[in-house]
C-alpha atoms as a PDB file:
ATOM      1  CA  MET A   1       1.838  46.763  77.252  1.00  0.00           C
ATOM      2  CA  LYS A   2       0.404  45.428  73.972  1.00  0.00           C
ATOM      3  CA  LYS A   3       3.518  43.908  73.397  1.00  0.00           C
ATOM      4  CA  ILE A   4       3.297  41.964  76.519  1.00  0.00           C
ATOM      5  CA  VAL A   5      -0.082  40.574  75.863  1.00  0.00           C
ATOM      6  CA  LEU A   6       0.350  39.655  72.161  1.00  0.00           C
ATOM      7  CA  GLY A   7       3.055  37.423  74.039  1.00  0.00           C
ATOM      8  CA  LEU A   8       1.076  35.543  76.294  1.00  0.00           C
ATOM      9  CA  ILE A   9      -1.482  35.006  73.403  1.00  0.00           C
ATOM     10  CA  VAL A  10       0.990  33.415  71.097  1.00  0.00           C
ATOM     11  CA  ILE A  11       2.305  31.741  74.345  1.00  0.00           C
ATOM     12  CA  THR A  12      -1.247  30.517  75.034  1.00  0.00           C
ATOM     13  CA  THR A  13      -1.734  29.475  71.682  1.00  0.00           C
ATOM     14  CA  GLY A  14       1.234  27.565  71.543  1.00  0.00           C
ATOM     15  CA  VAL A  15       0.533  25.499  74.612  1.00  0.00           C
ATOM     16  CA  PHE A  16      -3.176  24.962  73.247  1.00  0.00           C
ATOM     17  CA  SER A  17      -1.750  23.642  69.860  1.00  0.00           C
ATOM     18  CA  ALA A  18      -0.098  21.163  71.749  1.00  0.00           C
ATOM     19  CA  ARG A  19      -2.257  20.283  73.699  1.00  0.00           C
ATOM     20  CA  ALA A  20      -4.342  19.288  70.181  1.00  0.00           C
ATOM     21  CA  GLN A  21      -1.791  16.755  69.346  1.00  0.00           C
ATOM     22  CA  ASN A  22      -2.596  14.523  72.486  1.00  0.00           C
ATOM     23  CA  GLY A  23      -5.248  11.961  72.247  1.00  0.00           C
ATOM     24  CA  TRP A  24      -6.885   9.604  69.602  1.00  0.00           C
ATOM     25  CA  ASN A  25      -5.985   9.920  65.804  1.00  0.00           C
ATOM     26  CA  ILE A  26      -7.648   7.873  63.337  1.00  0.00           C
ATOM     27  CA  GLY A  27      -6.125   7.346  60.056  1.00  0.00           C
ATOM     28  CA  ASP A  28      -6.573   5.478  56.481  1.00  0.00           C
ATOM     29  CA  ARG A  29      -3.618   3.923  54.762  1.00  0.00           C
ATOM     30  CA  ALA A  30      -2.676   2.308  51.609  1.00  0.00           C
ATOM     31  CA  ALA A  31       0.431   0.728  50.322  1.00  0.00           C
ATOM     32  CA  ILE A  32       1.951  -0.624  47.528  1.00  0.00           C
ATOM     33  CA  GLY A  33       5.232  -2.487  46.957  1.00  0.00           C
ATOM     34  CA  HIS A  34       6.963  -5.975  46.474  1.00  0.00           C
ATOM     35  CA  SER A  35       7.051  -9.163  48.838  1.00  0.00           C
ATOM     36  CA  TRP A  36       8.860 -12.284  48.678  1.00  0.00           C
ATOM     37  CA  MET A  37       9.405 -15.863  50.065  1.00  0.00           C
ATOM     38  CA  VAL A  38      12.487 -16.459  51.740  1.00  0.00           C
ATOM     39  CA  GLY A  39      13.438 -20.727  52.309  1.00  0.00           C
ATOM     40  CA  ASN A  40      11.325 -21.763  49.108  1.00  0.00           C
ATOM     41  CA  ARG A  41      13.097 -20.633  46.107  1.00  0.00           C
ATOM     42  CA  PRO A  42      13.153 -23.553  43.354  1.00  0.00           C
ATOM     43  CA  ASP A  43      16.367 -24.744  42.037  1.00  0.00           C
ATOM     44  CA  ASN A  44      17.704 -22.520  38.870  1.00  0.00           C
ATOM     45  CA  SER A  45      15.210 -19.628  39.461  1.00  0.00           C
ATOM     46  CA  ASP A  46      14.885 -16.119  39.584  1.00  0.00           C
ATOM     47  CA  ARG A  47      13.094 -14.530  42.045  1.00  0.00           C
ATOM     48  CA  LYS A  48      11.103 -11.813  39.923  1.00  0.00           C
ATOM     49  CA  PHE A  49       9.260  -8.558  41.299  1.00  0.00           C
ATOM     50  CA  HIS A  50       5.655  -9.438  42.821  1.00  0.00           C
ATOM     51  CA  LEU A  51       3.238  -7.060  43.300  1.00  0.00           C
ATOM     52  CA  SER A  52       2.038  -6.306  46.982  1.00  0.00           C
ATOM     53  CA  TYR A  53      -0.203  -4.222  48.372  1.00  0.00           C
ATOM     54  CA  GLU A  54      -2.318  -3.221  51.954  1.00  0.00           C
ATOM     55  CA  LEU A  55      -5.474  -1.367  52.465  1.00  0.00           C
ATOM     56  CA  GLY A  56      -6.751  -0.719  55.624  1.00  0.00           C
ATOM     57  CA  ARG A  57      -7.591   2.035  58.862  1.00  0.00           C
ATOM     58  CA  SER A  58      -5.652   2.597  61.890  1.00  0.00           C
ATOM     59  CA  ALA A  59      -5.769   4.715  65.366  1.00  0.00           C
ATOM     60  CA  THR A  60      -3.226   6.323  67.432  1.00  0.00           C
ATOM     61  CA  TYR A  61      -3.261   7.739  70.874  1.00  0.00           C
ATOM     62  CA  ASN A  62      -0.743  10.113  71.150  1.00  0.00           C
ATOM     63  CA  PHE A  63       1.001  11.002  74.584  1.00  0.00           C
ATOM     64  CA  ASN A  64       2.362  14.095  73.594  1.00  0.00           C
ATOM     65  CA  ASN A  65       3.936  15.762  70.216  1.00  0.00           C
ATOM     66  CA  ASN A  66       6.273  13.088  70.042  1.00  0.00           C
ATOM     67  CA  THR A  67       5.323   9.631  70.794  1.00  0.00           C
ATOM     68  CA  GLY A  68       2.248   7.646  70.838  1.00  0.00           C
ATOM     69  CA  VAL A  69       0.913   3.888  70.286  1.00  0.00           C
ATOM     70  CA  GLY A  70      -1.588   2.680  68.131  1.00  0.00           C
ATOM     71  CA  PHE A  71      -3.055  -0.846  66.211  1.00  0.00           C
ATOM     72  CA  GLY A  72      -4.456  -0.853  62.797  1.00  0.00           C
ATOM     73  CA  THR A  73      -6.353  -3.545  60.773  1.00  0.00           C
ATOM     74  CA  TYR A  74      -5.460  -4.292  56.913  1.00  0.00           C
ATOM     75  CA  PHE A  75      -6.611  -6.056  54.071  1.00  0.00           C
ATOM     76  CA  SER A  76      -2.776  -7.294  52.460  1.00  0.00           C
ATOM     77  CA  SER A  77      -1.873  -9.121  49.489  1.00  0.00           C
ATOM     78  CA  GLN A  78       1.471 -10.720  49.880  1.00  0.00           C
ATOM     79  CA  GLY A  79       3.493 -13.770  48.684  1.00  0.00           C
ATOM     80  CA  GLY A  80       6.332 -14.114  45.698  1.00  0.00           C
ATOM     81  CA  THR A  81       6.895 -14.936  41.917  1.00  0.00           C
ATOM     82  CA  TYR A  82       9.910 -17.188  40.418  1.00  0.00           C
ATOM     83  CA  GLU A  83      10.865 -17.505  37.137  1.00  0.00           C
ATOM     84  CA  LEU A  84      11.739 -20.837  36.001  1.00  0.00           C
ATOM     85  CA  GLN A  85      14.720 -22.145  33.441  1.00  0.00           C
ATOM     86  CA  ASP A  86      11.861 -23.459  31.064  1.00  0.00           C
ATOM     87  CA  ASN A  87      10.375 -19.216  31.264  1.00  0.00           C
ATOM     88  CA  SER A  88       7.475 -20.556  33.202  1.00  0.00           C
ATOM     89  CA  LYS A  89       6.653 -18.904  36.205  1.00  0.00           C
ATOM     90  CA  VAL A  90       5.703 -19.845  39.726  1.00  0.00           C
ATOM     91  CA  ILE A  91       3.432 -17.440  41.326  1.00  0.00           C
ATOM     92  CA  GLU A  92       2.195 -17.569  45.078  1.00  0.00           C
ATOM     93  CA  ARG A  93      -0.587 -14.965  45.692  1.00  0.00           C
ATOM     94  CA  ALA A  94      -1.530 -14.861  49.899  1.00  0.00           C
ATOM     95  CA  ASN A  95      -4.163 -12.588  50.962  1.00  0.00           C
ATOM     96  CA  TYR A  96      -3.906 -11.623  55.020  1.00  0.00           C
ATOM     97  CA  ILE A  97      -6.100  -9.890  57.314  1.00  0.00           C
ATOM     98  CA  LYS A  98      -2.929  -8.186  59.062  1.00  0.00           C
ATOM     99  CA  ILE A  99      -3.156  -6.218  62.312  1.00  0.00           C
ATOM    100  CA  PRO A 100      -0.252  -4.656  63.303  1.00  0.00           C
ATOM    101  CA  VAL A 101       0.630  -3.175  66.848  1.00  0.00           C
ATOM    102  CA  PHE A 102       2.897  -0.193  66.625  1.00  0.00           C
ATOM    103  CA  ALA A 103       4.712   2.332  68.802  1.00  0.00           C
ATOM    104  CA  ASN A 104       5.013   5.826  66.804  1.00  0.00           C
ATOM    105  CA  PHE A 105       7.474   8.291  67.361  1.00  0.00           C
ATOM    106  CA  THR A 106       7.431  11.529  65.364  1.00  0.00           C
ATOM    107  CA  PHE A 107      10.407  14.021  65.814  1.00  0.00           C
ATOM    108  CA  GLY A 108      10.826  17.934  65.509  1.00  0.00           C
ATOM    109  CA  ASP A 109       8.821  20.622  66.690  1.00  0.00           C
ATOM    110  CA  ALA A 110       5.177  20.517  66.551  1.00  0.00           C
ATOM    111  CA  ALA A 111       4.941  23.497  65.125  1.00  0.00           C
ATOM    112  CA  SER A 112       6.103  22.813  61.989  1.00  0.00           C
ATOM    113  CA  ARG A 113       4.455  21.597  59.306  1.00  0.00           C
ATOM    114  CA  VAL A 114       6.532  18.728  57.644  1.00  0.00           C
ATOM    115  CA  ARG A 115       8.157  16.372  60.678  1.00  0.00           C
ATOM    116  CA  PRO A 116      10.040  13.158  60.356  1.00  0.00           C
ATOM    117  CA  ARG A 117       8.729   9.724  61.567  1.00  0.00           C
ATOM    118  CA  PHE A 118       9.231   6.590  62.416  1.00  0.00           C
ATOM    119  CA  THR A 119       7.055   3.421  63.847  1.00  0.00           C
ATOM    120  CA  ILE A 120       7.886   0.050  64.971  1.00  0.00           C
ATOM    121  CA  GLY A 121       5.843  -2.692  66.330  1.00  0.00           C
ATOM    122  CA  PRO A 122       4.789  -6.268  65.926  1.00  0.00           C
ATOM    123  CA  SER A 123       1.954  -7.825  63.923  1.00  0.00           C
ATOM    124  CA  VAL A 124      -0.333 -11.111  63.020  1.00  0.00           C
ATOM    125  CA  GLN A 125      -2.102 -11.905  60.083  1.00  0.00           C
ATOM    126  CA  PHE A 126      -4.455 -14.510  58.893  1.00  0.00           C
ATOM    127  CA  LEU A 127      -4.511 -16.301  55.997  1.00  0.00           C
ATOM    128  CA  VAL A 128      -8.021 -15.773  54.239  1.00  0.00           C
ATOM    129  CA  GLY A 129      -7.624 -16.261  50.191  1.00  0.00           C
ATOM    130  CA  GLY A 130      -5.156 -16.002  47.083  1.00  0.00           C
ATOM    131  CA  LYS A 131      -3.871 -18.678  44.541  1.00  0.00           C
ATOM    132  CA  THR A 132      -0.833 -20.271  44.430  1.00  0.00           C
ATOM    133  CA  PHE A 133      -0.197 -21.372  40.369  1.00  0.00           C
ATOM    134  CA  VAL A 134       2.091 -22.100  37.476  1.00  0.00           C
ATOM    135  CA  ARG A 135       1.812 -19.987  34.343  1.00  0.00           C
ATOM    136  CA  ASN A 136       3.830 -20.892  31.066  1.00  0.00           C
ATOM    137  CA  SER A 137       4.561 -18.722  27.983  1.00  0.00           C
ATOM    138  CA  ASP A 138       1.557 -20.407  26.498  1.00  0.00           C
ATOM    139  CA  ASP A 139      -0.545 -18.813  29.275  1.00  0.00           C
ATOM    140  CA  VAL A 140      -1.336 -22.330  30.293  1.00  0.00           C
ATOM    141  CA  PHE A 141      -2.328 -22.009  34.492  1.00  0.00           C
ATOM    142  CA  ALA A 142      -2.346 -24.553  37.239  1.00  0.00           C
ATOM    143  CA  GLY A 143      -2.711 -23.808  40.381  1.00  0.00           C
ATOM    144  CA  VAL A 144      -4.804 -24.013  43.588  1.00  0.00           C
ATOM    145  CA  TYR A 145      -6.175 -21.856  46.416  1.00  0.00           C
ATOM    146  CA  THR A 146      -3.364 -21.074  48.810  1.00  0.00           C
ATOM    147  CA  LYS A 147      -5.582 -21.492  51.650  1.00  0.00           C
ATOM    148  CA  LYS A 148      -6.237 -25.014  51.129  1.00  0.00           C
ATOM    149  CA  ALA A 149      -2.389 -25.555  49.716  1.00  0.00           C
ATOM    150  CA  MET A 150      -1.105 -24.543  53.231  1.00  0.00           C
ATOM    151  CA  ASN A 151      -0.891 -26.236  57.003  1.00  0.00           C
ATOM    152  CA  THR A 152       0.292 -22.948  58.313  1.00  0.00           C
ATOM    153  CA  LYS A 153      -2.557 -20.484  57.924  1.00  0.00           C
ATOM    154  CA  ILE A 154      -1.502 -17.444  60.640  1.00  0.00           C
ATOM    155  CA  ASP A 155       1.823 -15.822  60.546  1.00  0.00           C
ATOM    156  CA  ALA A 156       3.742 -13.155  63.183  1.00  0.00           C
ATOM    157  CA  GLY A 157       6.455 -10.551  62.270  1.00  0.00           C
ATOM    158  CA  ALA A 158       7.556  -7.056  62.684  1.00  0.00           C
ATOM    159  CA  ASN A 159       7.009  -4.004  61.117  1.00  0.00           C
ATOM    160  CA  ALA A 160       9.037  -0.682  61.087  1.00  0.00           C
ATOM    161  CA  SER A 161       8.635   2.728  58.635  1.00  0.00           C
ATOM    162  CA  LEU A 162      10.619   5.705  57.936  1.00  0.00           C
ATOM    163  CA  GLY A 163       8.988   8.234  56.695  1.00  0.00           C
ATOM    164  CA  PHE A 164       7.293  11.900  57.247  1.00  0.00           C
ATOM    165  CA  SER A 165       4.483  13.903  58.536  1.00  0.00           C
ATOM    166  CA  VAL A 166       2.805  16.781  56.413  1.00  0.00           C
ATOM    167  CA  ARG A 167       0.313  19.121  58.674  1.00  0.00           C
ATOM    168  CA  VAL A 168      -2.176  20.093  56.002  1.00  0.00           C
ATOM    169  CA  CYS A 169      -4.355  22.032  58.244  1.00  0.00           C
ATOM    170  CA  ASP A 170      -4.996  21.978  62.630  1.00  0.00           C
ATOM    171  CA  GLY A 171      -5.391  17.826  63.672  1.00  0.00           C
ATOM    172  CA  PHE A 172      -5.450  16.813  59.918  1.00  0.00           C
ATOM    173  CA  TYR A 173      -1.684  15.038  58.536  1.00  0.00           C
ATOM    174  CA  ILE A 174      -0.537  13.110  55.370  1.00  0.00           C
ATOM    175  CA  ASN A 175       1.979  10.330  55.829  1.00  0.00           C
ATOM    176  CA  ASN A 176       4.476   9.313  53.592  1.00  0.00           C
ATOM    177  CA  ASP A 177       6.276   6.275  55.008  1.00  0.00           C
ATOM    178  CA  VAL A 178       9.106   2.993  53.424  1.00  0.00           C
ATOM    179  CA  ASN A 179       7.316   0.008  55.391  1.00  0.00           C
ATOM    180  CA  TYR A 180       9.288  -3.317  55.759  1.00  0.00           C
ATOM    181  CA  TYR A 181       7.936  -6.405  56.657  1.00  0.00           C
ATOM    182  CA  HIS A 182       9.636  -9.301  58.353  1.00  0.00           C
ATOM    183  CA  GLY A 183       7.831 -12.373  59.076  1.00  0.00           C
ATOM    184  CA  PHE A 184       9.328 -14.976  61.625  1.00  0.00           C
ATOM    185  CA  VAL A 185       7.003 -17.927  61.706  1.00  0.00           C
ATOM    186  CA  GLU A 186       7.639 -20.688  59.207  1.00  0.00           C
ATOM    187  CA  GLN A 187       4.890 -21.280  56.523  1.00  0.00           C
ATOM    188  CA  LYS A 188       4.061 -24.684  56.190  1.00  0.00           C
ATOM    189  CA  PRO A 189       2.651 -25.993  52.808  1.00  0.00           C
ATOM    190  CA  ASN A 190       0.271 -29.135  53.050  1.00  0.00           C
ATOM    191  CA  ASN A 191       2.631 -31.293  50.536  1.00  0.00           C
ATOM    192  CA  ALA A 192       5.615 -30.383  52.932  1.00  0.00           C
ATOM    193  CA  THR A 193       7.939 -33.348  51.597  1.00  0.00           C
ATOM    194  CA  GLU A 194       7.282 -31.613  48.203  1.00  0.00           C
ATOM    195  CA  SER A 195       7.548 -27.948  49.043  1.00  0.00           C
ATOM    196  CA  PRO A 196       9.575 -26.162  51.445  1.00  0.00           C
ATOM    197  CA  SER A 197       8.549 -23.990  54.139  1.00  0.00           C
ATOM    198  CA  TYR A 198       9.430 -20.389  53.732  1.00  0.00           C
ATOM    199  CA  THR A 199       9.086 -16.997  55.667  1.00  0.00           C
ATOM    200  CA  ASN A 200       7.213 -13.889  54.542  1.00  0.00           C
ATOM    201  CA  ARG A 201       8.746 -10.423  53.559  1.00  0.00           C
ATOM    202  CA  GLY A 202       7.575  -7.189  52.111  1.00  0.00           C
ATOM    203  CA  LEU A 203       8.734  -3.384  50.878  1.00  0.00           C
ATOM    204  CA  TYR A 204       6.105  -1.134  50.490  1.00  0.00           C
ATOM    205  CA  LEU A 205       5.854   2.638  49.994  1.00  0.00           C
ATOM    206  CA  SER A 206       2.613   4.367  51.784  1.00  0.00           C
ATOM    207  CA  MET A 207       0.587   7.163  51.938  1.00  0.00           C
ATOM    208  CA  GLY A 208      -2.073   7.523  54.655  1.00  0.00           C
ATOM    209  CA  MET A 209      -4.150  10.333  56.794  1.00  0.00           C
ATOM    210  CA  GLN A 210      -4.943  10.880  59.884  1.00  0.00           C
ATOM    211  CA  ILE A 211      -7.521  13.503  61.756  1.00  0.00           C
ATOM    212  CA  ASN A 212      -7.728  13.808  65.712  1.00  0.00           C
ATOM    213  CA  GLY A 213     -10.780  14.042  67.932  1.00  0.00           C
ATOM    214  CA  GLN A 214     -10.414  17.657  68.318  1.00  0.00           C
ATOM    215  CA  ALA A 215     -10.561  18.223  64.400  1.00  0.00           C
ATOM    216  CA  MET A 216     -13.280  15.869  64.123  1.00  0.00           C
ATOM    217  CA  LYS A 217     -15.368  17.551  66.749  1.00  0.00           C
ATOM    218  CA  LYS A 218     -14.533  21.113  65.087  1.00  0.00           C
ATOM    219  CA  TRP A 219     -15.686  19.829  61.665  1.00  0.00           C
ATOM    220  CA  LYS A 220     -18.716  18.452  62.866  1.00  0.00           C
ATOM    221  CA  ASN A 221     -19.880  21.480  64.642  1.00  0.00           C
ATOM    222  CA  LYS A 222     -19.082  23.478  61.613  1.00  0.00           C
ATOM    223  CA  MET A 223     -21.506  20.823  59.434  1.00  0.00           C
ATOM    224  CA  MET A 224     -23.940  21.111  62.497  1.00  0.00           C
ATOM    225  CA  GLN A 225     -23.596  25.039  62.416  1.00  0.00           C
ATOM    226  CA  HIS A 226     -24.021  25.119  58.338  1.00  0.00           C
ATOM    227  CA  HIS A 227     -27.067  23.030  58.611  1.00  0.00           C
ATOM    228  CA  LYS A 228     -28.868  25.208  61.390  1.00  0.00           C
ATOM    229  CA  MET A 229     -28.250  27.887  58.847  1.00  0.00           C
ATOM    230  CA  GLY A 230     -29.987  26.402  55.942  1.00  0.00           C
ATOM    231  CA  ARG A 231     -33.191  25.740  57.687  1.00  0.00           C
ATOM    232  CA  ASP A 232     -33.087  29.320  59.336  1.00  0.00           C
END
């Protein structure tokens, strides 16, 4: 009889845990990597590493333990760097507000601590700043603000990421991913006769956290209890 009761408790707990994966998750994400531009590489130049980074917040609605949809808002600093034959560098820094929409797939058993995950979806981003300049060996700068230099101020593309999710505790997760961005819209400078158009690319390593609504409610209740005990 005790074994039967114990089995029912385990099953009930498992069902509750599975249900706890459903609903809204909110999280923050930071990414760092390399971005480049395709189509505007100067003659006799080499493409160099261009530090790119993203920082923002996302919300995901999970239909079950394995699938969900979401959206985010990120500050994304992109662009590209080229080195010319005279050792001078052309550096274009373009800052965007990026809004991705994605489908999220998490594989494996919901009870597992570590689970592989995959996301894919479109995004749109709006140019808000940055600077494009030339730097020579004497560190002499000559440049313009990217927003003023560009005729195209909106980009649209696709994002894909592959990584894994680590459950720290019930309802709280750490996500680690490799992300790729592929821009589809040709970015056209104001001086189109002198500077060719290009499309954006990016490859990033990201880390983020997610917490679901039930975990937030549980944390809030604990804080209220501690506050009440402190007053008593």
